[in-house]
C-alpha atoms as a PDB file:
ATOM      1  CA  UNK A   1      -1.428   4.476  -6.171  1.00  0.00           C
ATOM      2  CA  UNK A   2      -2.711   1.249  -4.802  1.00  0.00           C
ATOM      3  CA  UNK A   3      -5.569   1.500  -2.338  1.00  0.00           C
ATOM      4  CA  UNK A   4      -6.120  -0.802   0.533  1.00  0.00           C
ATOM      5  CA  UNK A   5      -9.096  -1.157   2.859  1.00  0.00           C
ATOM      6  CA  UNK A   6      -7.654  -1.497   6.304  1.00  0.00           C
ATOM      7  CA  UNK A   7      -8.266  -0.975  10.039  1.00  0.00           C
ATOM      8  CA  UNK A   8      -6.790   2.123  11.633  1.00  0.00           C
ATOM      9  CA  UNK A   9      -6.365   1.904  15.373  1.00  0.00           C
ATOM     10  CA  UNK A  10      -7.982   4.622  17.518  1.00  0.00           C
ATOM     11  CA  UNK A  11      -8.847   4.732  21.286  1.00  0.00           C
ATOM     12  CA  UNK A  12      -6.846   4.770  24.451  1.00  0.00           C
ATOM     13  CA  UNK A  13      -4.044   2.622  25.662  1.00  0.00           C
ATOM     14  CA  UNK A  14      -5.394  -0.933  26.347  1.00  0.00           C
ATOM     15  CA  UNK A  15      -8.867   0.212  24.976  1.00  0.00           C
ATOM     16  CA  UNK A  16      -8.589  -0.342  21.187  1.00  0.00           C
ATOM     17  CA  UNK A  17     -11.168   0.569  18.715  1.00  0.00           C
ATOM     18  CA  UNK A  18     -10.696   0.727  14.973  1.00  0.00           C
ATOM     19  CA  UNK A  19     -11.782   2.735  11.974  1.00  0.00           C
ATOM     20  CA  UNK A  20     -12.165   0.952   8.686  1.00  0.00           C
ATOM     21  CA  UNK A  21     -10.543   3.253   6.091  1.00  0.00           C
ATOM     22  CA  UNK A  22      -9.533   3.285   2.583  1.00  0.00           C
ATOM     23  CA  UNK A  23      -5.869   4.386   2.485  1.00  0.00           C
ATOM     24  CA  UNK A  24      -2.844   4.472   0.096  1.00  0.00           C
ATOM     25  CA  UNK A  25      -0.969   1.201   0.719  1.00  0.00           C
ATOM     26  CA  UNK A  26       2.351   3.254   1.173  1.00  0.00           C
ATOM     27  CA  UNK A  27       0.990   5.178   4.147  1.00  0.00           C
ATOM     28  CA  UNK A  28       1.416   4.126   7.752  1.00  0.00           C
ATOM     29  CA  UNK A  29      -1.215   2.240   9.636  1.00  0.00           C
ATOM     30  CA  UNK A  30      -2.530   5.320  11.522  1.00  0.00           C
ATOM     31  CA  UNK A  31      -1.589   7.835   8.918  1.00  0.00           C
ATOM     32  CA  UNK A  32      -3.396   9.813   6.260  1.00  0.00           C
ATOM     33  CA  UNK A  33      -6.399   8.065   4.673  1.00  0.00           C
ATOM     34  CA  UNK A  34      -8.731   8.617   1.725  1.00  0.00           C
ATOM     35  CA  UNK A  35     -12.088   7.971   3.324  1.00  0.00           C
ATOM     36  CA  UNK A  36     -13.641   6.482   6.466  1.00  0.00           C
ATOM     37  CA  UNK A  37     -15.717   3.441   5.653  1.00  0.00           C
ATOM     38  CA  UNK A  38     -16.924   2.378   9.135  1.00  0.00           C
ATOM     39  CA  UNK A  39     -15.760   1.572  12.624  1.00  0.00           C
ATOM     40  CA  UNK A  40     -15.279  -1.536  14.768  1.00  0.00           C
ATOM     41  CA  UNK A  41     -15.113  -1.861  18.617  1.00  0.00           C
ATOM     42  CA  UNK A  42     -13.973  -5.329  19.711  1.00  0.00           C
ATOM     43  CA  UNK A  43     -14.529  -4.583  23.441  1.00  0.00           C
ATOM     44  CA  UNK A  44     -18.251  -4.113  23.294  1.00  0.00           C
ATOM     45  CA  UNK A  45     -20.277  -7.234  24.152  1.00  0.00           C
ATOM     46  CA  UNK A  46     -21.176  -8.170  21.453  1.00  0.00           C
ATOM     47  CA  UNK A  47     -18.672  -6.357  19.297  1.00  0.00           C
ATOM     48  CA  UNK A  48     -19.843  -3.301  17.410  1.00  0.00           C
ATOM     49  CA  UNK A  49     -19.163  -3.203  13.639  1.00  0.00           C
ATOM     50  CA  UNK A  50     -20.619  -0.401  11.473  1.00  0.00           C
ATOM     51  CA  UNK A  51     -19.792  -0.355   7.798  1.00  0.00           C
ATOM     52  CA  UNK A  52     -21.086   1.841   5.032  1.00  0.00           C
ATOM     53  CA  UNK A  53     -21.620  -0.839   2.382  1.00  0.00           C
ATOM     54  CA  UNK A  54     -22.104   1.599  -0.535  1.00  0.00           C
ATOM     55  CA  UNK A  55     -18.688   3.252   0.287  1.00  0.00           C
ATOM     56  CA  UNK A  56     -16.931  -0.070   0.649  1.00  0.00           C
ATOM     57  CA  UNK A  57     -18.351  -1.466  -2.586  1.00  0.00           C
ATOM     58  CA  UNK A  58     -17.349   1.835  -4.426  1.00  0.00           C
ATOM     59  CA  UNK A  59     -13.700   1.340  -3.331  1.00  0.00           C
ATOM     60  CA  UNK A  60     -13.824  -2.385  -4.123  1.00  0.00           C
ATOM     61  CA  UNK A  61     -14.998  -1.740  -7.624  1.00  0.00           C
ATOM     62  CA  UNK A  62     -12.205   0.849  -8.017  1.00  0.00           C
ATOM     63  CA  UNK A  63      -9.647  -1.964  -7.282  1.00  0.00           C
ATOM     64  CA  UNK A  64      -9.006  -1.566  -3.576  1.00  0.00           C
ATOM     65  CA  UNK A  65      -7.613  -4.589  -1.833  1.00  0.00           C
ATOM     66  CA  UNK A  66      -8.911  -5.264   1.733  1.00  0.00           C
ATOM     67  CA  UNK A  67      -6.365  -6.326   4.383  1.00  0.00           C
ATOM     68  CA  UNK A  68      -6.977  -9.737   5.963  1.00  0.00           C
ATOM     69  CA  UNK A  69      -8.675  -8.391   8.969  1.00  0.00           C
ATOM     70  CA  UNK A  70     -10.876  -5.968   6.949  1.00  0.00           C
ATOM     71  CA  UNK A  71     -11.820  -8.793   4.680  1.00  0.00           C
ATOM     72  CA  UNK A  72     -12.848 -11.038   7.543  1.00  0.00           C
ATOM     73  CA  UNK A  73     -15.063  -8.347   8.990  1.00  0.00           C
ATOM     74  CA  UNK A  74     -16.539  -7.664   5.552  1.00  0.00           C
ATOM     75  CA  UNK A  75     -17.281 -11.271   5.031  1.00  0.00           C
ATOM     76  CA  UNK A  76     -19.050 -11.439   8.448  1.00  0.00           C
ATOM     77  CA  UNK A  77     -21.400  -8.829   7.054  1.00  0.00           C
ATOM     78  CA  UNK A  78     -21.822 -10.505   3.712  1.00  0.00           C
ATOM     79  CA  UNK A  79     -20.025  -8.079   1.551  1.00  0.00           C
ATOM     80  CA  UNK A  80     -18.180 -10.138  -1.072  1.00  0.00           C
ATOM     81  CA  UNK A  81     -14.764  -9.411  -2.492  1.00  0.00           C
ATOM     82  CA  UNK A  82     -15.817 -10.020  -5.995  1.00  0.00           C
ATOM     83  CA  UNK A  83     -13.755  -8.873  -8.857  1.00  0.00           C
ATOM     84  CA  UNK A  84     -15.126  -5.846 -10.721  1.00  0.00           C
ATOM     85  CA  UNK A  85     -16.512  -6.455 -14.219  1.00  0.00           C
ATOM     86  CA  UNK A  86     -14.128  -5.044 -16.819  1.00  0.00           C
ATOM     87  CA  UNK A  87     -15.387  -1.966 -18.580  1.00  0.00           C
ATOM     88  CA  UNK A  88     -15.607  -1.768 -22.392  1.00  0.00           C
ATOM     89  CA  UNK A  89     -12.770   0.639 -22.502  1.00  0.00           C
ATOM     90  CA  UNK A  90     -10.516  -1.910 -20.690  1.00  0.00           C
ATOM     91  CA  UNK A  91     -11.188  -4.561 -23.438  1.00  0.00           C
ATOM     92  CA  UNK A  92     -10.022  -2.174 -26.156  1.00  0.00           C
ATOM     93  CA  UNK A  93      -6.786  -1.432 -24.402  1.00  0.00           C
ATOM     94  CA  UNK A  94      -6.079  -5.213 -24.025  1.00  0.00           C
ATOM     95  CA  UNK A  95      -6.557  -5.571 -27.727  1.00  0.00           C
ATOM     96  CA  UNK A  96      -3.834  -3.011 -28.571  1.00  0.00           C
ATOM     97  CA  UNK A  97      -0.294  -4.268 -28.964  1.00  0.00           C
ATOM     98  CA  UNK A  98       1.885  -3.667 -25.921  1.00  0.00           C
ATOM     99  CA  UNK A  99       4.327  -0.786 -25.953  1.00  0.00           C
ATOM    100  CA  UNK A 100       7.971  -1.631 -26.075  1.00  0.00           C
ATOM    101  CA  UNK A 101       9.528  -2.590 -22.790  1.00  0.00           C
ATOM    102  CA  UNK A 102      10.987   0.262 -20.885  1.00  0.00           C
ATOM    103  CA  UNK A 103      14.821   0.487 -21.094  1.00  0.00           C
ATOM    104  CA  UNK A 104      16.849   0.865 -18.027  1.00  0.00           C
ATOM    105  CA  UNK A 105      18.398   4.134 -17.340  1.00  0.00           C
ATOM    106  CA  UNK A 106      22.107   4.050 -18.093  1.00  0.00           C
ATOM    107  CA  UNK A 107      24.353   4.710 -15.057  1.00  0.00           C
ATOM    108  CA  UNK A 108      26.613   7.744 -15.373  1.00  0.00           C
ATOM    109  CA  UNK A 109      30.275   7.204 -14.820  1.00  0.00           C
ATOM    110  CA  UNK A 110      31.424   8.566 -11.338  1.00  0.00           C
ATOM    111  CA  UNK A 111      32.864  12.145 -11.385  1.00  0.00           C
ATOM    112  CA  UNK A 112      36.623  12.602 -11.621  1.00  0.00           C
ATOM    113  CA  UNK A 113      36.710  13.949  -8.044  1.00  0.00           C
ATOM    114  CA  UNK A 114      34.934  10.885  -6.698  1.00  0.00           C
ATOM    115  CA  UNK A 115      37.290   8.603  -8.614  1.00  0.00           C
ATOM    116  CA  UNK A 116      40.319  10.374  -7.217  1.00  0.00           C
ATOM    117  CA  UNK A 117      38.968  10.106  -3.629  1.00  0.00           C
ATOM    118  CA  UNK A 118      38.182   6.467  -4.040  1.00  0.00           C
ATOM    119  CA  UNK A 119      41.732   5.683  -5.327  1.00  0.00           C
ATOM    120  CA  UNK A 120      43.273   7.641  -2.505  1.00  0.00           C
ATOM    121  CA  UNK A 121      41.076   5.719   0.181  1.00  0.00           C
ATOM    122  CA  UNK A 122      42.158   2.381  -1.420  1.00  0.00           C
ATOM    123  CA  UNK A 123      45.800   3.427  -1.201  1.00  0.00           C
ATOM    124  CA  UNK A 124      45.395   4.578   2.379  1.00  0.00           C
ATOM    125  CA  UNK A 125      43.846   1.184   3.259  1.00  0.00           C
ATOM    126  CA  UNK A 126      46.517  -0.732   1.483  1.00  0.00           C
ATOM    127  CA  UNK A 127      49.285   1.273   3.310  1.00  0.00           C
ATOM    128  CA  UNK A 128      47.501   0.788   6.670  1.00  0.00           C
ATOM    129  CA  UNK A 129      47.219  -3.044   6.061  1.00  0.00           C
ATOM    130  CA  UNK A 130      51.055  -3.248   5.391  1.00  0.00           C
ATOM    131  CA  UNK A 131      51.869  -1.485   8.545  1.00  0.00           C
END
């Protein structure tokens, strides 16, 4: 599961406000999330931005990738997007030889019934084309 730090829209129509959340990258923008990391109100003068730095740094060290907008807001607060330092366990796994490449699954031949239907459809098309 790849985790992204992104902005989740909240608020009424024409009155946007956003939550900064850690979410699975496959989820929709306003869908389920893992944790709320802060909030952003662009309509306030000056804009309001509250971020829990410890939570953000925890997710960044776990490998979460911030979206462009989230990264921009985090940079404005001075939170860097530095790469986490590799753990000693990661170094030992890199030294191991790589496992053999996964083989692709062999496709099954279509069933006899499907083959007969396909042939019948092709014959019907041919007959219709002649007429």
